[in-house]
């Protein structure tokens, strides 16, 4: 996991961002540096400098990152222009095979974010689904192997 500045740079310049790390209701935890990446930091780059995210897809594999609250990381990413976000609304399990399946379905099998998400929800009923995860935005992204 990078520091806050590296996380913000990736969120605004990379087309696909996968964050696999720690999180909380309104924060992405960074391993390096003292400052976490917060929705306010993300929104400030848009509000103060007019930056819009280049990201088409962000996968937040961190706890509580996709809560539907004004202060959530996922909502901040949607605000700054990320096309599609998938993340957790709960404290995610320590070992999540759905995460790897989602990436495989999208990257290797060419499934759209929506189709891959539905498949993972069906295959992992105990951990995935609308009560535990959230998909936001244009979920028909991709559809061809990368």
C-alpha atoms as a PDB file:
ATOM      1  CA  UNK A   1       0.000   0.000   0.000  1.00  0.00           C
ATOM      2  CA  UNK A   2       1.375   3.389  -0.934  1.00  0.00           C
ATOM      3  CA  UNK A   3       1.278   6.621   1.014  1.00  0.00           C
ATOM      4  CA  UNK A   4      -1.557   9.144   0.737  1.00  0.00           C
ATOM      5  CA  UNK A   5      -0.043  11.161  -2.116  1.00  0.00           C
ATOM      6  CA  UNK A   6       0.655   8.021  -4.167  1.00  0.00           C
ATOM      7  CA  UNK A   7      -2.901   6.797  -3.527  1.00  0.00           C
ATOM      8  CA  UNK A   8      -4.377  10.117  -4.642  1.00  0.00           C
ATOM      9  CA  UNK A   9      -2.152  10.169  -7.715  1.00  0.00           C
ATOM     10  CA  UNK A  10      -3.328   6.684  -8.706  1.00  0.00           C
ATOM     11  CA  UNK A  11      -6.976   7.556  -8.089  1.00  0.00           C
ATOM     12  CA  UNK A  12      -6.715  10.563 -10.422  1.00  0.00           C
ATOM     13  CA  UNK A  13      -4.346   9.300 -13.124  1.00  0.00           C
ATOM     14  CA  UNK A  14      -4.747   5.525 -13.514  1.00  0.00           C
ATOM     15  CA  UNK A  15      -7.654   4.034 -15.474  1.00  0.00           C
ATOM     16  CA  UNK A  16      -7.989   0.989 -13.204  1.00  0.00           C
ATOM     17  CA  UNK A  17      -7.225   1.120  -9.481  1.00  0.00           C
ATOM     18  CA  UNK A  18      -7.348  -1.858  -7.128  1.00  0.00           C
ATOM     19  CA  UNK A  19      -6.822  -0.978  -3.488  1.00  0.00           C
ATOM     20  CA  UNK A  20      -6.287  -4.027  -1.299  1.00  0.00           C
ATOM     21  CA  UNK A  21      -5.673  -2.857   2.226  1.00  0.00           C
ATOM     22  CA  UNK A  22      -7.158  -1.465   5.388  1.00  0.00           C
ATOM     23  CA  UNK A  23     -10.034   0.949   5.553  1.00  0.00           C
ATOM     24  CA  UNK A  24     -12.726   2.359   7.784  1.00  0.00           C
ATOM     25  CA  UNK A  25     -15.972   4.315   7.404  1.00  0.00           C
ATOM     26  CA  UNK A  26     -14.282   7.344   5.863  1.00  0.00           C
ATOM     27  CA  UNK A  27     -10.691   6.392   5.157  1.00  0.00           C
ATOM     28  CA  UNK A  28      -8.321   4.292   3.062  1.00  0.00           C
ATOM     29  CA  UNK A  29      -5.475   3.225   5.301  1.00  0.00           C
ATOM     30  CA  UNK A  30      -1.993   3.762   3.923  1.00  0.00           C
ATOM     31  CA  UNK A  31       0.949   1.670   4.972  1.00  0.00           C
ATOM     32  CA  UNK A  32       3.544   4.316   4.289  1.00  0.00           C
ATOM     33  CA  UNK A  33       3.377   7.764   5.823  1.00  0.00           C
ATOM     34  CA  UNK A  34       1.198   9.038   8.626  1.00  0.00           C
ATOM     35  CA  UNK A  35      -1.756  10.387   6.700  1.00  0.00           C
ATOM     36  CA  UNK A  36      -4.636   8.252   5.496  1.00  0.00           C
ATOM     37  CA  UNK A  37      -6.533   8.934   2.284  1.00  0.00           C
ATOM     38  CA  UNK A  38      -9.878  10.430   3.226  1.00  0.00           C
ATOM     39  CA  UNK A  39     -12.908  11.430   1.148  1.00  0.00           C
ATOM     40  CA  UNK A  40     -12.162  15.076   1.976  1.00  0.00           C
ATOM     41  CA  UNK A  41      -8.709  14.724   0.375  1.00  0.00           C
ATOM     42  CA  UNK A  42     -10.254  13.206  -2.746  1.00  0.00           C
ATOM     43  CA  UNK A  43     -12.978  15.852  -2.998  1.00  0.00           C
ATOM     44  CA  UNK A  44     -10.551  18.702  -2.377  1.00  0.00           C
ATOM     45  CA  UNK A  45      -8.548  17.863  -5.502  1.00  0.00           C
ATOM     46  CA  UNK A  46     -11.737  18.221  -7.514  1.00  0.00           C
ATOM     47  CA  UNK A  47     -13.131  21.282  -5.730  1.00  0.00           C
ATOM     48  CA  UNK A  48      -9.917  23.286  -5.347  1.00  0.00           C
ATOM     49  CA  UNK A  49      -8.090  22.341  -8.541  1.00  0.00           C
ATOM     50  CA  UNK A  50     -10.816  21.056 -10.850  1.00  0.00           C
ATOM     51  CA  UNK A  51      -9.244  17.599 -11.106  1.00  0.00           C
ATOM     52  CA  UNK A  52     -11.433  14.805 -12.452  1.00  0.00           C
ATOM     53  CA  UNK A  53     -10.441  11.188 -11.996  1.00  0.00           C
ATOM     54  CA  UNK A  54      -9.259   9.285 -15.065  1.00  0.00           C
ATOM     55  CA  UNK A  55     -10.292   6.013 -13.412  1.00  0.00           C
ATOM     56  CA  UNK A  56     -12.819   3.891 -15.202  1.00  0.00           C
ATOM     57  CA  UNK A  57     -12.890   1.260 -12.457  1.00  0.00           C
ATOM     58  CA  UNK A  58     -11.886   1.243  -8.789  1.00  0.00           C
ATOM     59  CA  UNK A  59     -12.064  -1.909  -6.667  1.00  0.00           C
ATOM     60  CA  UNK A  60     -11.891  -1.118  -2.955  1.00  0.00           C
ATOM     61  CA  UNK A  61     -10.945  -4.289  -1.142  1.00  0.00           C
ATOM     62  CA  UNK A  62     -10.976  -2.575   2.240  1.00  0.00           C
ATOM     63  CA  UNK A  63     -13.472  -2.493   5.096  1.00  0.00           C
ATOM     64  CA  UNK A  64     -16.449  -0.121   4.978  1.00  0.00           C
ATOM     65  CA  UNK A  65     -15.125   1.698   1.908  1.00  0.00           C
ATOM     66  CA  UNK A  66     -18.416   1.662  -0.009  1.00  0.00           C
ATOM     67  CA  UNK A  67     -20.918   2.718   2.622  1.00  0.00           C
ATOM     68  CA  UNK A  68     -23.642   4.915   1.169  1.00  0.00           C
ATOM     69  CA  UNK A  69     -22.906   7.901   3.381  1.00  0.00           C
ATOM     70  CA  UNK A  70     -21.785  11.446   2.514  1.00  0.00           C
ATOM     71  CA  UNK A  71     -18.371  10.707   4.020  1.00  0.00           C
ATOM     72  CA  UNK A  72     -17.651   7.389   2.281  1.00  0.00           C
ATOM     73  CA  UNK A  73     -14.628   6.799   0.077  1.00  0.00           C
ATOM     74  CA  UNK A  74     -16.798   5.298  -2.690  1.00  0.00           C
ATOM     75  CA  UNK A  75     -19.118   8.309  -2.813  1.00  0.00           C
ATOM     76  CA  UNK A  76     -16.126  10.659  -2.975  1.00  0.00           C
ATOM     77  CA  UNK A  77     -14.735   8.660  -5.894  1.00  0.00           C
ATOM     78  CA  UNK A  78     -18.052   8.840  -7.703  1.00  0.00           C
ATOM     79  CA  UNK A  79     -18.127  12.609  -7.058  1.00  0.00           C
ATOM     80  CA  UNK A  80     -14.747  13.119  -8.742  1.00  0.00           C
ATOM     81  CA  UNK A  81     -15.716  11.137 -11.834  1.00  0.00           C
ATOM     82  CA  UNK A  82     -14.771   7.491 -11.348  1.00  0.00           C
ATOM     83  CA  UNK A  83     -17.017   5.507 -13.695  1.00  0.00           C
ATOM     84  CA  UNK A  84     -17.505   2.355 -11.597  1.00  0.00           C
ATOM     85  CA  UNK A  85     -16.659   1.491  -7.988  1.00  0.00           C
ATOM     86  CA  UNK A  86     -17.060  -1.811  -6.155  1.00  0.00           C
ATOM     87  CA  UNK A  87     -16.385  -1.982  -2.438  1.00  0.00           C
ATOM     88  CA  UNK A  88     -17.390  -3.300   0.963  1.00  0.00           C
ATOM     89  CA  UNK A  89     -20.140  -1.948   3.200  1.00  0.00           C
ATOM     90  CA  UNK A  90     -19.065  -4.194   6.083  1.00  0.00           C
ATOM     91  CA  UNK A  91     -15.816  -5.209   7.737  1.00  0.00           C
ATOM     92  CA  UNK A  92     -14.645  -7.485   4.941  1.00  0.00           C
ATOM     93  CA  UNK A  93     -13.445 -11.030   5.600  1.00  0.00           C
ATOM     94  CA  UNK A  94      -9.723 -11.565   6.019  1.00  0.00           C
ATOM     95  CA  UNK A  95      -9.567 -14.055   3.168  1.00  0.00           C
ATOM     96  CA  UNK A  96     -11.840 -13.225   0.258  1.00  0.00           C
ATOM     97  CA  UNK A  97     -11.851 -15.547  -2.770  1.00  0.00           C
ATOM     98  CA  UNK A  98     -14.549 -13.360  -4.351  1.00  0.00           C
ATOM     99  CA  UNK A  99     -11.999 -10.590  -4.863  1.00  0.00           C
ATOM    100  CA  UNK A 100      -9.796 -12.804  -7.042  1.00  0.00           C
ATOM    101  CA  UNK A 101     -12.800 -14.256  -8.853  1.00  0.00           C
ATOM    102  CA  UNK A 102     -14.072 -10.755  -9.681  1.00  0.00           C
ATOM    103  CA  UNK A 103     -10.705  -9.790 -11.163  1.00  0.00           C
ATOM    104  CA  UNK A 104     -10.528 -13.043 -13.119  1.00  0.00           C
ATOM    105  CA  UNK A 105     -14.047 -12.644 -14.516  1.00  0.00           C
ATOM    106  CA  UNK A 106     -13.356  -9.078 -15.624  1.00  0.00           C
ATOM    107  CA  UNK A 107      -9.743  -9.310 -16.775  1.00  0.00           C
ATOM    108  CA  UNK A 108      -9.456 -12.838 -18.141  1.00  0.00           C
ATOM    109  CA  UNK A 109     -13.015 -13.694 -19.137  1.00  0.00           C
ATOM    110  CA  UNK A 110     -14.096 -10.263 -20.359  1.00  0.00           C
ATOM    111  CA  UNK A 111     -17.185  -9.930 -18.147  1.00  0.00           C
ATOM    112  CA  UNK A 112     -18.579  -6.487 -17.471  1.00  0.00           C
ATOM    113  CA  UNK A 113     -18.275  -5.194 -13.914  1.00  0.00           C
ATOM    114  CA  UNK A 114     -21.997  -5.858 -13.434  1.00  0.00           C
ATOM    115  CA  UNK A 115     -21.916  -9.449 -14.734  1.00  0.00           C
ATOM    116  CA  UNK A 116     -18.762 -10.252 -12.776  1.00  0.00           C
ATOM    117  CA  UNK A 117     -20.228  -8.720  -9.613  1.00  0.00           C
ATOM    118  CA  UNK A 118     -23.461 -10.748  -9.966  1.00  0.00           C
ATOM    119  CA  UNK A 119     -21.490 -13.949 -10.511  1.00  0.00           C
ATOM    120  CA  UNK A 120     -19.317 -13.345  -7.449  1.00  0.00           C
ATOM    121  CA  UNK A 121     -22.408 -12.543  -5.373  1.00  0.00           C
ATOM    122  CA  UNK A 122     -23.981 -15.862  -6.417  1.00  0.00           C
ATOM    123  CA  UNK A 123     -20.772 -17.844  -5.857  1.00  0.00           C
ATOM    124  CA  UNK A 124     -20.083 -16.301  -2.444  1.00  0.00           C
ATOM    125  CA  UNK A 125     -23.478 -15.795  -0.849  1.00  0.00           C
ATOM    126  CA  UNK A 126     -21.980 -15.803   2.634  1.00  0.00           C
ATOM    127  CA  UNK A 127     -19.788 -12.745   2.020  1.00  0.00           C
ATOM    128  CA  UNK A 128     -20.843 -10.887  -1.150  1.00  0.00           C
ATOM    129  CA  UNK A 129     -24.150  -9.342  -2.145  1.00  0.00           C
ATOM    130  CA  UNK A 130     -26.015  -6.060  -1.676  1.00  0.00           C
ATOM    131  CA  UNK A 131     -26.025  -6.403   2.108  1.00  0.00           C
ATOM    132  CA  UNK A 132     -22.212  -6.609   2.228  1.00  0.00           C
ATOM    133  CA  UNK A 133     -20.912  -4.953  -0.928  1.00  0.00           C
ATOM    134  CA  UNK A 134     -21.909  -2.116  -3.212  1.00  0.00           C
ATOM    135  CA  UNK A 135     -21.453  -1.417  -6.907  1.00  0.00           C
ATOM    136  CA  UNK A 136     -21.771   2.192  -8.070  1.00  0.00           C
ATOM    137  CA  UNK A 137     -21.813   3.856 -11.451  1.00  0.00           C
ATOM    138  CA  UNK A 138     -21.489   2.459 -14.963  1.00  0.00           C
ATOM    139  CA  UNK A 139     -21.387  -1.247 -14.195  1.00  0.00           C
ATOM    140  CA  UNK A 140     -21.359  -2.250 -17.874  1.00  0.00           C
ATOM    141  CA  UNK A 141     -17.659  -1.473 -18.147  1.00  0.00           C
ATOM    142  CA  UNK A 142     -15.370  -3.705 -20.131  1.00  0.00           C
ATOM    143  CA  UNK A 143     -16.831  -6.817 -21.670  1.00  0.00           C
ATOM    144  CA  UNK A 144     -13.730  -8.025 -23.484  1.00  0.00           C
ATOM    145  CA  UNK A 145     -10.558  -9.663 -22.134  1.00  0.00           C
ATOM    146  CA  UNK A 146      -7.725  -7.250 -21.439  1.00  0.00           C
END
